[in-house]
Amino acid sequence: MLKRIKKICAVVLAVTLISVAVNMFMAPHYIAAGGFTGLAIIFETMFSIDRSITIFVANGIILVCTLIFLGKEIFLSTVLGAALLPLIISLVPQVKLVENPMLSMVAGSVIIAVAASIMYANRASSGGTTVPPLISRSISD
């Protein structure tokens, strides 16, 4: 039980860090972070679609694929991060913390890297583009 609580806390922390990196460092400078968050920034800029909605829809598709191709266990470990990311992105304020775009990109990238390492250390995922390689590997095995 304690192990599960620790994992949930780690996922919440990592997703919060990703949300801070996107909303406070990357998106204010129109820097497309990798994966679905980057795609969400592009869609928001081009089509005025809220980034949390794009991430929610894309992660929904990925979760269905996860359940079909990877099974219930991996689906359950992915669903928390995938569900929390659009929610927390919609809650974190969208402010420009750094005026210099290069410094903002570096800071945002470092924060996302720390978040990703927290996720991987806890065998979790925020959904998105971390899942297709798992599906590809599963299919080829």
Foldseek 3Di string as FASTA:
>chain_A
DVLVVVLLVLLLVLLLLLLCLLQAQALVVLHQDDWLLSVLSVCCVPPVDHSLVSLLVQQVVQLVVCCVQPHDVQSVQAVSLSVVNSVSSVVDHRHHPDPDNVVSVVVSVVSNVVSVVSQVVSVHHNGTPVRVVVSVVSVVD
